[in-house]
Amino acid sequence: MLVNEFLEQSAVKFPNKTALIFEGERLTFLELEIMANRLAHGFIEKGLKKQDRVAIFLEPGTECVASIFAALKAGGVFLVINPQVKAKKLAYILSDCQVKILVTDTNHFQEIASVLPGCSFLRSLVVTDYEGLERKKPARHRPDLSSYREILDSCPPHRPANSCIDIDLASLIYTSGSTGIPKGVMLTHLNMVTAAASIIEYLENTPDDIIIDVLPLSFDYGLYQVLMAFKFGGTVVLERSFLYPYRTIDLILKERVTGLPIVPTVAAVLFNLKNLDKYDFSNVRYITNTAQAIPPRYIARLQKIFPKAKIYSMYGLTECKRVSFLPPDEIERRPTSVGKAMPNTEAYIVDAKGRKITKPGVVGELVVRGSHVMKGYWNLPEETDKVLKPGLLPDEKVLYTGDLFKMDQEGFLYFIARRDDLIKVAGGRVSPREIENVLYEIEDVDEAAVIGVKHKILGQAVKAFIVLKKGSAATKKDILKHCATRLEDFMVPKYIEFRESLPKSSHGKISKKELR
């Protein structure tokens, strides 16, 4: 199966069913299918060949979704680029993977126009609001500019021929590299179909599900909400962000949303809203969380606000999309666990020599085995070899995640830290996650992040950044007193810094890189 067949098959099964709701516009599967077909023909006319790259530099919306499927239908490989990316980084990405077609809008074009002439492989730029660009009379430029709407008006509605098979690339997702250079994660159709099928299986999705998506489509978590819904014939309510939470709440109620994917920062915003108890969220069937673990005290609050919802705590990384999930009936017993490997996936822990660890409580690196594991990093063979290594079986490659885990006696997994994030205090190793969990126990703490900082005597010392709830009178002394009753002495933060807010990535994850 190919990823573009998610839409194609649902357009046959459910032609008149609403597939996408965005800013009041409602599109059926058949309408989206025809839109993507026309756009795919337009890409082919502009010279797009099998496995050429199409970059989508847009805010989440109908045009973004249609462009994803159009690129696939034309036999291409799509990249959804974070719309906040600056011109220099965008130019690097476009040149690195030799993008042939870039889909964007007038505002983003104006921001990046100066770097486009240097992107020698770029042949065509498709502008969604081309009429606005004409009014601004841009200077002479390359590549050629085209109107998104004119393509839709002039190209045929039938499905174009596609010679791709499931081992061909479907997508590139660029992530931040440890060297500061973005890395393009290569995902085949097989990778993405496998991941989507496994997640759909454990979430028990059906065509009756309606999912609200407030996450960036450049973030695999946000992207897969659309892909998976189209695979099982569900409906996606697309919002560009969680910037206006009451608007999102209104949509959840109005559209009778059943699926709510969140990250911890979304939960934190929810909990700061007033009068949440007055809303009836009984239609919400499930809540998922990834990116960072939900603090245990958040779980109880989510259960109170969404009494009918099953809460899925999950772990994954872009290189394989998803690894594990905690069954909702285990969340009260093991609130800090990310569960066990999802269907059709094997996950195990190894020591420094690559030997499998079977003893509970022993920390090692998590290794993932499955057909959803990426093909590698684009044009970075040495970086690829660092993470795709020989497995326990002959002639196989498995993914070394770089994340440290332990498991309990029943085989449930617990995230400890990124290998690079461990804090080495006086020879001992400290997990930032363990300290953060303790900090989140404090009712006055809204957000917390822990890092290691240089210390002349200890080597490193623990520093905690904390955002207090509005109106809180909590002091550093209060924080330290609580930590001292829960943590060993060397784990108690040596430094505490209160802040109004913590820096976030575009995916809503607290950015420890910026804190450092």
Protein backbone atom coordinates (compact mmCIF):
# COMPACT_ATOMS: atom_id res chain seq x y z
CA MET A 1 0.00 0.00 0.00
CA LEU A 2 1.10 3.59 -0.69
CA VAL A 3 0.39 6.60 1.52
CA ASN A 4 -1.58 8.38 -1.23
CA GLU A 5 -3.95 5.41 -1.23
CA PHE A 6 -5.18 6.50 2.22
CA LEU A 7 -7.08 9.29 0.50
CA GLU A 8 -7.80 7.40 -2.71
CA GLN A 9 -9.46 4.43 -1.00
CA SER A 10 -11.50 6.61 1.37
CA ALA A 11 -12.67 8.66 -1.61
CA VAL A 12 -14.09 5.43 -3.05
CA LYS A 13 -15.56 4.11 0.21
CA PHE A 14 -16.81 7.42 1.63
CA PRO A 15 -16.99 9.90 -1.29
CA ASN A 16 -19.49 12.27 0.35
CA LYS A 17 -18.20 12.00 3.91
CA THR A 18 -16.49 15.05 5.42
CA ALA A 19 -12.74 14.47 5.45
CA LEU A 20 -11.40 17.88 6.48
CA ILE A 21 -12.83 20.85 8.36
CA PHE A 22 -10.79 24.04 8.29
CA GLU A 23 -11.89 27.58 9.11
CA GLY A 24 -15.52 26.78 8.37
CA GLU A 25 -14.79 25.02 5.07
CA ARG A 26 -15.83 21.37 4.87
CA LEU A 27 -14.32 19.15 2.19
CA THR A 28 -15.40 15.60 1.41
CA PHE A 29 -12.98 12.81 0.59
CA LEU A 30 -13.98 13.01 -3.08
CA GLU A 31 -13.47 16.80 -3.20
CA LEU A 32 -10.02 16.48 -1.67
CA GLU A 33 -9.18 13.59 -3.99
CA ILE A 34 -10.06 15.65 -7.06
CA MET A 35 -8.14 18.67 -5.74
CA ALA A 36 -5.04 16.56 -5.12
CA ASN A 37 -5.36 14.88 -8.54
CA ARG A 38 -5.50 18.22 -10.36
CA LEU A 39 -2.54 19.54 -8.42
CA ALA A 40 -0.56 16.34 -9.09
CA HIS A 41 -1.10 16.78 -12.83
CA GLY A 42 0.14 20.34 -12.45
CA PHE A 43 3.31 19.14 -10.72
CA ILE A 44 3.93 16.59 -13.48
CA GLU A 45 3.46 19.26 -16.17
CA LYS A 46 6.12 21.31 -14.39
CA GLY A 47 8.58 18.48 -14.82
CA LEU A 48 8.25 16.59 -11.55
CA LYS A 49 9.57 13.06 -11.99
CA LYS A 50 9.40 9.94 -9.84
CA GLN A 51 10.98 10.54 -6.39
CA ASP A 52 11.62 14.26 -7.01
CA ARG A 53 11.06 16.35 -3.89
CA VAL A 54 8.16 18.76 -3.31
CA ALA A 55 8.50 21.15 -0.36
CA ILE A 56 5.40 22.62 1.28
CA PHE A 57 6.09 25.86 3.12
CA LEU A 58 2.62 26.81 4.34
CA GLU A 59 0.61 27.20 7.49
CA PRO A 60 -1.63 24.16 8.18
CA GLY A 61 -4.72 24.30 5.97
CA THR A 62 -6.54 22.83 3.01
CA GLU A 63 -3.81 23.78 0.51
CA CYS A 64 -1.14 22.15 2.67
CA VAL A 65 -3.07 18.87 2.97
CA ALA A 66 -3.92 18.75 -0.75
CA SER A 67 -0.27 19.44 -1.66
CA ILE A 68 0.95 16.52 0.46
CA PHE A 69 -1.24 14.05 -1.39
CA ALA A 70 -0.61 15.69 -4.76
CA ALA A 71 3.14 15.23 -4.37
CA LEU A 72 2.61 11.54 -3.57
CA LYS A 73 0.14 11.03 -6.43
CA ALA A 74 2.71 12.50 -8.83
CA GLY A 75 5.24 9.94 -7.60
CA GLY A 76 7.18 12.55 -5.63
CA VAL A 77 8.46 12.88 -2.07
CA PHE A 78 6.93 15.56 0.14
CA LEU A 79 8.48 17.74 2.83
CA VAL A 80 6.29 19.86 5.10
CA ILE A 81 8.59 22.61 6.34
CA ASN A 82 7.84 24.47 9.54
CA PRO A 83 6.36 27.82 8.40
CA GLN A 84 8.45 29.57 11.08
CA VAL A 85 11.73 28.48 9.47
CA LYS A 86 13.92 31.41 8.43
CA ALA A 87 15.24 31.99 4.93
CA LYS A 88 18.80 30.72 5.48
CA LYS A 89 17.69 27.40 7.00
CA LEU A 90 15.03 26.97 4.33
CA ALA A 91 17.63 27.50 1.61
CA TYR A 92 19.81 24.81 3.19
CA ILE A 93 16.93 22.30 3.25
CA LEU A 94 15.85 23.06 -0.33
CA SER A 95 19.41 22.65 -1.62
CA ASP A 96 20.25 19.65 0.57
CA CYS A 97 17.52 17.45 -0.87
CA GLN A 98 17.36 19.20 -4.26
CA VAL A 99 13.72 20.27 -4.07
CA LYS A 100 12.13 20.69 -7.52
CA ILE A 101 8.83 22.34 -6.55
CA LEU A 102 8.08 24.63 -3.61
CA VAL A 103 4.48 25.37 -2.60
CA THR A 104 4.06 28.52 -0.51
CA ASP A 105 2.03 31.72 -0.13
CA THR A 106 2.68 35.41 -0.68
CA ASN A 107 3.77 36.22 2.86
CA HIS A 108 6.31 33.42 3.01
CA PHE A 109 7.53 34.15 -0.51
CA GLN A 110 8.37 37.71 0.46
CA GLU A 111 10.40 36.43 3.43
CA ILE A 112 12.44 33.93 1.42
CA ALA A 113 12.63 35.47 -2.06
CA SER A 114 16.23 36.63 -1.55
CA VAL A 115 17.58 33.09 -1.07
CA LEU A 116 15.63 31.30 -3.80
CA PRO A 117 17.97 32.18 -6.71
CA GLY A 118 20.70 30.23 -4.90
CA CYS A 119 18.59 27.04 -4.83
CA SER A 120 19.82 25.74 -8.17
CA PHE A 121 17.64 22.61 -8.30
CA LEU A 122 14.39 24.49 -7.65
CA ARG A 123 12.41 24.64 -10.89
CA SER A 124 8.99 25.92 -9.93
CA LEU A 125 7.35 27.83 -7.13
CA VAL A 126 3.57 27.41 -6.72
CA VAL A 127 1.89 30.25 -4.82
CA THR A 128 -1.50 29.61 -3.22
CA ASP A 129 -2.56 33.27 -3.28
CA TYR A 130 -0.78 34.23 -6.49
CA GLU A 131 -3.11 37.14 -7.16
CA GLY A 132 -1.82 38.90 -4.04
CA LEU A 133 1.74 38.36 -5.21
CA GLU A 134 0.97 39.92 -8.59
CA ARG A 135 -0.35 43.04 -6.87
CA LYS A 136 2.92 43.37 -4.99
CA LYS A 137 4.83 43.17 -8.30
CA PRO A 138 7.85 41.16 -7.15
CA ALA A 139 11.20 41.78 -8.78
CA ARG A 140 12.55 39.46 -11.46
CA HIS A 141 13.14 36.08 -10.00
CA ARG A 142 13.86 32.46 -10.51
CA PRO A 143 12.42 29.86 -10.27
CA ASP A 144 9.24 30.28 -12.30
CA LEU A 145 6.14 31.33 -10.39
CA SER A 146 2.78 29.62 -10.86
CA SER A 147 -0.71 30.08 -9.47
CA TYR A 148 -2.05 27.25 -7.30
CA ARG A 149 -5.62 28.16 -8.29
CA GLU A 150 -4.85 28.21 -12.00
CA ILE A 151 -3.45 24.69 -11.72
CA LEU A 152 -6.66 23.52 -10.03
CA ASP A 153 -8.78 25.22 -12.72
CA SER A 154 -6.84 23.92 -15.70
CA CYS A 155 -5.69 20.37 -14.83
CA PRO A 156 -7.80 17.19 -15.16
CA PRO A 157 -9.56 15.62 -12.14
CA HIS A 158 -8.61 11.99 -12.77
CA ARG A 159 -5.88 10.21 -10.85
CA PRO A 160 -2.46 10.36 -12.58
CA ALA A 161 -0.41 7.24 -13.23
CA ASN A 162 1.98 6.40 -10.37
CA SER A 163 4.77 3.84 -10.66
CA CYS A 164 5.93 4.00 -7.03
CA ILE A 165 6.13 0.90 -4.85
CA ASP A 166 6.15 0.74 -1.07
CA ILE A 167 9.94 0.80 -0.65
CA ASP A 168 10.13 4.16 -2.45
CA LEU A 169 10.44 7.33 -0.41
CA ALA A 170 7.24 9.08 0.58
CA SER A 171 8.49 11.86 2.84
CA LEU A 172 11.46 13.68 4.27
CA ILE A 173 11.10 15.17 7.74
CA TYR A 174 13.89 17.51 8.76
CA THR A 175 14.90 17.44 12.42
CA SER A 176 17.45 19.44 14.35
CA GLY A 177 20.83 17.75 14.29
CA SER A 178 23.29 17.60 17.19
CA THR A 179 25.77 19.50 15.00
CA GLY A 180 23.24 22.26 14.32
CA ILE A 181 22.70 21.07 10.74
CA PRO A 182 19.16 19.81 10.02
CA LYS A 183 18.92 16.11 9.18
CA GLY A 184 16.39 14.78 6.67
CA VAL A 185 14.73 11.63 7.99
CA MET A 186 13.94 9.42 4.97
CA LEU A 187 10.60 7.64 5.29
CA THR A 188 9.34 5.17 2.72
CA HIS A 189 5.70 4.44 1.96
CA LEU A 190 6.17 1.15 3.85
CA ASN A 191 7.56 3.01 6.88
CA MET A 192 4.60 5.38 7.04
CA VAL A 193 1.88 2.83 6.23
CA THR A 194 3.24 0.47 8.89
CA ALA A 195 3.38 3.18 11.56
CA ALA A 196 -0.11 4.45 10.75
CA ALA A 197 -1.62 0.95 10.78
CA SER A 198 -0.11 0.10 14.18
CA ILE A 199 -1.26 3.32 15.82
CA ILE A 200 -4.77 3.00 14.36
CA GLU A 201 -4.92 -0.55 15.73
CA TYR A 202 -4.16 0.33 19.35
CA LEU A 203 -6.27 3.51 19.31
CA GLU A 204 -9.14 1.43 17.90
CA ASN A 205 -10.00 4.12 15.35
CA THR A 206 -13.13 3.83 13.22
CA PRO A 207 -14.70 6.01 10.50
CA ASP A 208 -16.85 7.58 13.24
CA ASP A 209 -13.80 9.22 14.83
CA ILE A 210 -13.40 12.99 14.52
CA ILE A 211 -9.91 14.21 15.42
CA ILE A 212 -8.96 17.79 16.21
CA ASP A 213 -5.42 18.64 15.13
CA VAL A 214 -3.81 21.75 16.62
CA LEU A 215 -0.27 20.54 15.97
CA PRO A 216 2.03 21.67 13.12
CA LEU A 217 1.94 19.42 10.06
CA SER A 218 5.75 19.74 9.94
CA PHE A 219 5.72 17.77 13.21
CA ASP A 220 5.16 14.07 12.56
CA TYR A 221 2.63 13.91 15.41
CA GLY A 222 0.49 16.56 13.71
CA LEU A 223 1.05 15.14 10.22
CA TYR A 224 -0.04 11.63 11.15
CA GLN A 225 -3.37 12.85 12.55
CA VAL A 226 -4.31 13.70 8.96
CA LEU A 227 -2.72 10.64 7.38
CA MET A 228 -4.29 8.19 9.81
CA ALA A 229 -7.76 9.76 9.65
CA PHE A 230 -7.72 9.50 5.87
CA LYS A 231 -6.61 5.87 6.13
CA PHE A 232 -9.52 4.79 8.35
CA GLY A 233 -12.06 7.21 6.87
CA GLY A 234 -12.36 9.59 9.81
CA THR A 235 -12.65 13.37 9.90
CA VAL A 236 -9.95 15.90 10.82
CA VAL A 237 -10.77 19.29 12.31
CA LEU A 238 -7.66 21.29 11.48
CA GLU A 239 -6.59 24.25 13.62
CA ARG A 240 -3.40 26.18 13.01
CA SER A 241 -2.41 26.22 16.68
CA PHE A 242 -3.67 26.20 20.24
CA LEU A 243 -3.14 29.95 20.42
CA TYR A 244 -6.86 30.59 21.00
CA PRO A 245 -7.85 27.76 23.35
CA TYR A 246 -11.50 28.78 23.80
CA ARG A 247 -11.95 28.68 20.04
CA THR A 248 -10.51 25.15 20.05
CA ILE A 249 -12.87 24.17 22.87
CA ASP A 250 -15.82 25.49 20.87
CA LEU A 251 -14.74 23.36 17.92
CA ILE A 252 -14.37 20.25 20.11
CA LEU A 253 -17.95 20.74 21.28
CA LYS A 254 -19.47 21.86 17.98
CA GLU A 255 -17.91 19.11 15.87
CA ARG A 256 -18.35 16.43 18.56
CA VAL A 257 -14.66 15.59 18.51
CA THR A 258 -13.72 12.08 19.66
CA GLY A 259 -9.90 12.24 19.42
CA LEU A 260 -7.69 14.84 21.09
CA PRO A 261 -3.91 14.61 20.49
CA ILE A 262 -1.95 16.87 22.84
CA VAL A 263 1.52 17.68 24.11
CA PRO A 264 2.13 18.69 27.75
CA THR A 265 2.20 22.40 26.90
CA VAL A 266 -1.34 22.12 25.50
CA ALA A 267 -2.42 20.45 28.75
CA ALA A 268 -0.81 23.25 30.76
CA VAL A 269 -2.76 25.88 28.80
CA LEU A 270 -5.99 23.95 29.31
CA PHE A 271 -5.50 23.78 33.06
CA ASN A 272 -5.07 27.55 33.27
CA LEU A 273 -8.45 28.20 31.67
CA LYS A 274 -11.37 29.16 33.83
CA ASN A 275 -14.68 27.31 34.16
CA LEU A 276 -13.61 24.18 32.26
CA ASP A 277 -15.98 22.18 34.45
CA LYS A 278 -18.99 23.78 32.78
CA TYR A 279 -18.22 22.15 29.39
CA ASP A 280 -19.50 18.73 28.40
CA PHE A 281 -16.59 16.84 26.84
CA SER A 282 -18.31 13.46 26.96
CA ASN A 283 -17.81 12.95 23.20
CA VAL A 284 -14.02 12.83 23.59
CA ARG A 285 -13.22 9.12 23.39
CA TYR A 286 -9.45 9.28 23.72
CA ILE A 287 -6.54 11.63 24.42
CA THR A 288 -3.00 10.92 23.22
CA ASN A 289 0.24 12.47 24.40
CA THR A 290 3.79 12.35 23.10
CA ALA A 291 6.86 14.65 22.75
CA GLN A 292 7.26 14.77 26.57
CA ALA A 293 5.69 12.72 29.33
CA ILE A 294 2.58 14.07 31.01
CA PRO A 295 3.35 14.85 34.65
CA PRO A 296 1.35 12.41 36.83
CA ARG A 297 -0.73 15.16 38.43
CA TYR A 298 -1.83 16.27 34.96
CA ILE A 299 -3.31 12.83 34.32
CA ALA A 300 -5.80 13.15 37.17
CA ARG A 301 -6.86 16.58 35.96
CA LEU A 302 -7.34 15.36 32.39
CA GLN A 303 -9.48 12.50 33.68
CA LYS A 304 -11.64 14.98 35.57
CA ILE A 305 -12.11 17.31 32.58
CA PHE A 306 -12.60 14.48 30.05
CA PRO A 307 -14.37 11.79 32.11
CA LYS A 308 -15.14 9.46 29.17
CA ALA A 309 -11.70 9.67 27.55
CA LYS A 310 -9.04 6.99 27.55
CA ILE A 311 -5.60 8.53 28.01
CA TYR A 312 -2.72 7.11 25.98
CA SER A 313 0.81 7.99 27.06
CA MET A 314 3.15 7.27 24.16
CA TYR A 315 6.80 7.40 23.16
CA GLY A 316 8.26 7.84 19.72
CA LEU A 317 10.82 9.65 17.62
CA THR A 318 10.79 10.91 14.06
CA GLU A 319 13.13 8.16 12.91
CA CYS A 320 10.38 5.56 13.37
CA LYS A 321 7.32 7.65 14.24
CA ARG A 322 6.11 5.64 17.25
CA VAL A 323 7.60 2.96 19.48
CA SER A 324 5.34 2.29 22.44
CA PHE A 325 2.08 3.12 24.18
CA LEU A 326 0.72 2.59 27.66
CA PRO A 327 -2.71 0.92 27.70
CA PRO A 328 -5.13 3.39 29.33
CA ASP A 329 -6.10 0.90 32.05
CA GLU A 330 -2.47 0.94 33.25
CA ILE A 331 -2.05 4.68 33.55
CA GLU A 332 -3.02 4.94 37.23
CA ARG A 333 -0.73 2.04 38.19
CA ARG A 334 2.23 3.23 36.10
CA PRO A 335 1.75 6.96 35.41
CA THR A 336 5.40 7.50 34.45
CA SER A 337 5.62 4.56 32.04
CA VAL A 338 5.36 4.79 28.25
CA GLY A 339 4.14 1.21 28.07
CA LYS A 340 5.27 -1.54 25.75
CA ALA A 341 6.04 -1.77 22.06
CA MET A 342 3.08 -1.07 19.79
CA PRO A 343 1.78 -3.74 17.37
CA ASN A 344 4.28 -5.02 14.79
CA THR A 345 7.19 -3.46 16.70
CA GLU A 346 9.95 -4.87 18.89
CA ALA A 347 11.72 -2.67 21.43
CA TYR A 348 14.45 -3.75 23.81
CA ILE A 349 17.20 -2.24 25.95
CA VAL A 350 20.91 -2.83 25.42
CA ASP A 351 24.06 -2.08 27.41
CA ALA A 352 27.10 -0.18 26.17
CA LYS A 353 28.30 -3.28 24.27
CA GLY A 354 24.98 -3.84 22.50
CA ARG A 355 23.98 -6.78 24.69
CA LYS A 356 20.28 -7.15 25.46
CA ILE A 357 19.30 -6.24 29.02
CA THR A 358 16.62 -8.45 30.56
CA LYS A 359 16.99 -7.52 34.23
CA PRO A 360 14.36 -5.05 35.52
CA GLY A 361 15.57 -1.63 36.66
CA VAL A 362 18.83 -1.66 34.68
CA VAL A 363 19.30 1.43 32.52
CA GLY A 364 20.42 1.10 28.91
CA GLU A 365 19.75 2.42 25.40
CA LEU A 366 16.43 1.65 23.74
CA VAL A 367 16.63 -0.17 20.41
CA VAL A 368 13.72 -0.39 17.97
CA ARG A 369 13.07 -3.06 15.37
CA GLY A 370 10.33 -2.85 12.75
CA SER A 371 9.36 -1.95 9.20
CA HIS A 372 8.52 1.59 10.34
CA VAL A 373 12.19 2.37 11.07
CA MET A 374 13.48 5.03 8.68
CA LYS A 375 15.60 4.31 5.64
CA GLY A 376 18.27 6.69 6.97
CA TYR A 377 19.26 10.36 7.01
CA TRP A 378 19.29 12.06 3.61
CA ASN A 379 22.82 12.44 2.26
CA LEU A 380 24.37 11.68 5.68
CA PRO A 381 25.70 8.11 5.58
CA GLU A 382 27.97 8.52 8.61
CA GLU A 383 25.13 9.93 10.73
CA THR A 384 22.91 7.09 9.53
CA ASP A 385 25.47 4.47 10.56
CA LYS A 386 25.52 5.91 14.08
CA VAL A 387 21.86 5.04 14.64
CA LEU A 388 21.09 2.19 12.21
CA LYS A 389 23.30 -0.62 13.47
CA PRO A 390 23.43 -4.42 13.17
CA GLY A 391 20.74 -6.09 15.26
CA LEU A 392 20.61 -9.35 17.15
CA LEU A 393 19.54 -11.31 14.05
CA PRO A 394 21.70 -11.86 10.95
CA ASP A 395 21.78 -9.17 8.25
CA GLU A 396 19.36 -6.78 9.92
CA LYS A 397 19.65 -3.13 10.91
CA VAL A 398 17.89 -1.73 13.97
CA LEU A 399 17.42 1.78 15.31
CA TYR A 400 19.51 2.87 18.27
CA THR A 401 17.40 5.70 19.68
CA GLY A 402 20.00 7.46 21.84
CA ASP A 403 17.42 7.43 24.64
CA LEU A 404 18.05 5.74 27.97
CA PHE A 405 15.32 3.52 29.39
CA LYS A 406 14.66 0.95 32.04
CA MET A 407 11.85 -1.59 32.38
CA ASP A 408 9.93 -3.00 35.32
CA GLN A 409 9.35 -6.66 36.18
CA GLU A 410 6.39 -6.85 33.81
CA GLY A 411 8.31 -5.38 30.88
CA PHE A 412 6.82 -1.86 30.90
CA LEU A 413 9.24 0.81 29.66
CA TYR A 414 10.30 3.99 31.48
CA PHE A 415 12.11 6.86 29.79
CA ILE A 416 15.13 8.06 31.78
CA ALA A 417 16.81 10.70 29.61
CA ARG A 418 18.38 11.45 26.30
CA ARG A 419 21.91 10.10 26.55
CA ASP A 420 23.25 13.62 26.07
CA ASP A 421 20.90 15.07 28.71
CA LEU A 422 22.05 12.97 31.68
CA ILE A 423 23.53 15.15 34.42
CA LYS A 424 26.78 13.87 35.93
CA VAL A 425 26.95 15.09 39.52
CA ALA A 426 30.05 14.11 41.53
CA GLY A 427 30.42 10.90 39.52
CA GLY A 428 26.75 9.95 39.77
CA ARG A 429 24.21 10.12 36.94
CA VAL A 430 21.02 12.10 37.38
CA SER A 431 17.91 11.84 35.21
CA PRO A 432 16.32 15.25 34.54
CA ARG A 433 12.96 13.51 34.06
CA GLU A 434 12.99 12.10 37.60
CA ILE A 435 13.53 15.56 39.10
CA GLU A 436 10.94 17.16 36.80
CA ASN A 437 8.34 14.63 37.91
CA VAL A 438 8.97 15.64 41.52
CA LEU A 439 8.73 19.33 40.66
CA TYR A 440 5.41 18.79 38.88
CA GLU A 441 4.01 17.30 42.09
CA ILE A 442 4.01 20.85 43.49
CA GLU A 443 0.60 22.41 42.88
CA ASP A 444 2.11 25.87 42.34
CA VAL A 445 4.37 24.68 39.50
CA ASP A 446 2.99 25.21 36.01
CA GLU A 447 6.06 24.20 34.02
CA ALA A 448 9.47 22.82 34.92
CA ALA A 449 12.68 21.90 33.13
CA VAL A 450 15.92 20.57 34.56
CA ILE A 451 19.40 20.75 33.02
CA GLY A 452 22.99 20.29 34.12
CA VAL A 453 25.29 23.29 34.47
CA LYS A 454 29.06 23.41 34.99
CA HIS A 455 30.31 23.30 38.59
CA LYS A 456 33.94 23.53 39.72
CA ILE A 457 33.67 20.86 42.41
CA LEU A 458 30.80 18.61 41.31
CA GLY A 459 31.55 18.64 37.59
CA GLN A 460 27.90 19.41 36.95
CA ALA A 461 25.12 20.71 39.16
CA VAL A 462 21.37 20.44 38.81
CA LYS A 463 19.53 23.59 37.75
CA ALA A 464 15.74 23.83 37.61
CA PHE A 465 13.78 26.39 35.59
CA ILE A 466 10.27 26.87 36.93
CA VAL A 467 7.15 28.71 35.82
CA LEU A 468 4.76 29.26 38.72
CA LYS A 469 1.02 29.56 38.45
CA LYS A 470 -0.27 33.10 38.34
CA GLY A 471 -0.67 34.51 41.82
CA SER A 472 1.53 31.87 43.43
CA ALA A 473 3.65 32.96 46.39
CA ALA A 474 5.87 29.85 46.33
CA THR A 475 9.56 30.51 47.01
CA LYS A 476 12.80 28.74 46.22
CA LYS A 477 12.83 27.53 49.80
CA ASP A 478 9.44 25.89 49.30
CA ILE A 479 10.63 24.16 46.15
CA LEU A 480 13.83 22.88 47.75
CA LYS A 481 11.98 21.64 50.84
CA HIS A 482 9.66 19.57 48.68
CA CYS A 483 12.56 18.17 46.61
CA ALA A 484 14.53 17.28 49.73
CA THR A 485 11.69 15.04 50.92
CA ARG A 486 11.46 13.22 47.56
CA LEU A 487 14.99 13.08 46.17
CA GLU A 488 18.44 11.97 47.18
CA ASP A 489 20.65 14.86 48.28
CA PHE A 490 22.77 14.96 45.11
CA MET A 491 19.60 15.15 42.97
CA VAL A 492 18.09 18.17 44.73
CA PRO A 493 18.51 21.23 42.46
CA LYS A 494 21.44 23.41 43.44
CA TYR A 495 20.05 26.31 41.44
CA ILE A 496 16.47 27.38 40.83
CA GLU A 497 15.44 30.07 38.38
CA PHE A 498 11.86 31.34 38.17
CA ARG A 499 10.68 32.48 34.75
CA GLU A 500 7.52 33.92 33.25
CA SER A 501 7.66 31.26 30.52
CA LEU A 502 9.97 28.59 29.13
CA PRO A 503 11.20 28.53 25.52
CA LYS A 504 9.34 26.10 23.29
CA SER A 505 10.08 24.39 20.02
CA SER A 506 7.60 24.72 17.17
CA HIS A 507 6.21 21.36 18.32
CA GLY A 508 5.32 22.69 21.77
CA LYS A 509 8.20 20.90 23.52
CA ILE A 510 10.27 22.78 26.12
CA SER A 511 13.58 23.64 24.47
CA LYS A 512 16.40 22.70 26.82
CA LYS A 513 18.87 23.68 24.14
CA GLU A 514 17.79 27.30 24.53
CA LEU A 515 17.86 27.05 28.32
CA ARG A 516 21.48 25.92 28.14
